[in-house]
Amino acid sequence: MTGPPVLWHFPISHYNEKARWALDWKGIPHVRRALAMSYVPRALWATGQAKLPVLFLDGQTIADSTRIIEALERLQPVVTEGRRADRTRSGRIPLP
């Protein structure tokens, strides 16, 4: 990995929340960048699409929460037992 994954997201969105939850569930250290409504030019520049979330992962730029989750599954297909136990104990996904 070239550095921690960077997630461009919009805080109030179910699609963005899916990507954040997946990163947390997998226990993948990452950087979150919440973009304002002026994100459209940045997203277009990075992906050719005017939508968030966007994940920068190992030199790839991945748009769309479903595609992000697929990439995270390929990167780390198994959730560690410690992360699973944390989630079971608290009933929610713990923050990294």
Protein backbone atom coordinates (compact mmCIF):
# COMPACT_ATOMS: atom_id res chain seq x y z
CA MET A 1 0.00 0.00 0.00
CA THR A 2 1.36 3.45 -0.90
CA GLY A 3 -0.19 5.16 2.13
CA PRO A 4 -3.48 5.08 3.94
CA PRO A 5 -6.56 5.10 1.73
CA VAL A 6 -8.21 8.51 1.43
CA LEU A 7 -12.00 8.72 1.34
CA TRP A 8 -13.66 11.81 -0.10
CA HIS A 9 -17.17 11.84 1.29
CA PHE A 10 -20.20 13.96 2.01
CA PRO A 11 -21.23 13.59 5.68
CA ILE A 12 -25.00 13.37 5.09
CA SER A 13 -25.47 10.54 2.61
CA HIS A 14 -26.38 6.88 2.93
CA TYR A 15 -24.05 5.93 0.08
CA ASN A 16 -21.13 7.69 1.74
CA GLU A 17 -22.03 6.06 5.06
CA LYS A 18 -21.81 2.61 3.42
CA ALA A 19 -18.21 3.32 2.41
CA ARG A 20 -17.30 4.67 5.86
CA TRP A 21 -18.87 1.64 7.57
CA ALA A 22 -17.03 -0.77 5.29
CA LEU A 23 -13.67 0.84 6.06
CA ASP A 24 -14.43 0.76 9.79
CA TRP A 25 -15.74 -2.82 9.70
CA LYS A 26 -12.62 -4.01 7.90
CA GLY A 27 -10.44 -2.14 10.40
CA ILE A 28 -8.60 -0.39 7.58
CA PRO A 29 -6.82 2.76 8.75
CA HIS A 30 -7.81 5.59 6.43
CA VAL A 31 -8.11 9.35 6.08
CA ARG A 32 -11.51 10.97 5.63
CA ARG A 33 -11.95 14.21 3.74
CA ALA A 34 -15.44 15.65 4.08
CA LEU A 35 -16.08 17.81 1.03
CA ALA A 36 -18.51 20.70 0.86
CA MET A 37 -21.20 21.00 -1.78
CA SER A 38 -18.55 22.41 -4.11
CA TYR A 39 -17.19 18.85 -4.48
CA VAL A 40 -18.52 18.40 -8.03
CA PRO A 41 -15.44 19.79 -9.86
CA ARG A 42 -13.09 17.74 -7.67
CA ALA A 43 -15.05 14.52 -8.18
CA LEU A 44 -15.28 15.13 -11.92
CA TRP A 45 -11.53 15.71 -12.08
CA ALA A 46 -10.73 12.56 -10.09
CA THR A 47 -13.25 10.11 -11.54
CA GLY A 48 -15.13 11.64 -14.45
CA GLN A 49 -18.29 11.36 -12.33
CA ALA A 50 -19.98 14.06 -10.26
CA LYS A 51 -20.69 11.93 -7.21
CA LEU A 52 -19.26 10.86 -3.89
CA PRO A 53 -17.91 8.80 -2.19
CA VAL A 54 -14.52 8.48 -3.86
CA LEU A 55 -11.77 6.30 -2.42
CA PHE A 56 -8.11 6.67 -3.34
CA LEU A 57 -6.60 3.23 -2.73
CA ASP A 58 -3.17 1.97 -3.86
CA GLY A 59 -2.98 4.36 -6.81
CA GLN A 60 -6.58 3.67 -7.87
CA THR A 61 -9.44 6.14 -7.77
CA ILE A 62 -12.70 4.35 -7.03
CA ALA A 63 -16.10 6.07 -7.19
CA ASP A 64 -19.40 4.58 -5.99
CA SER A 65 -19.96 2.90 -2.63
CA THR A 66 -20.62 -0.53 -4.14
CA ARG A 67 -17.36 -0.45 -6.13
CA ILE A 68 -15.50 0.79 -3.03
CA ILE A 69 -16.82 -2.13 -0.96
CA GLU A 70 -15.85 -4.58 -3.72
CA ALA A 71 -12.30 -3.17 -3.73
CA LEU A 72 -12.09 -3.41 0.07
CA GLU A 73 -13.25 -7.05 -0.10
CA ARG A 74 -10.43 -7.82 -2.55
CA LEU A 75 -7.93 -5.98 -0.32
CA GLN A 76 -9.02 -7.59 2.95
CA PRO A 77 -11.61 -10.35 2.47
CA VAL A 78 -11.75 -11.42 6.12
CA VAL A 79 -12.66 -9.30 9.13
CA THR A 80 -10.29 -10.01 12.00
CA GLU A 81 -11.75 -11.78 15.01
CA GLY A 82 -10.93 -8.81 17.23
CA ARG A 83 -13.00 -6.48 15.04
CA ARG A 84 -15.86 -8.99 14.97
CA ALA A 85 -15.76 -9.31 18.77
CA ASP A 86 -15.74 -5.50 19.19
CA ARG A 87 -18.80 -5.18 16.99
CA THR A 88 -20.64 -8.00 18.76
CA ARG A 89 -19.92 -6.61 22.20
CA SER A 90 -21.00 -3.03 21.49
CA GLY A 91 -23.70 -3.69 18.89
CA ARG A 92 -22.13 -1.18 16.51
CA ILE A 93 -19.07 -0.82 14.36
CA PRO A 94 -16.22 0.72 16.41
CA LEU A 95 -14.27 3.66 15.08
CA PRO A 96 -10.60 3.04 14.26
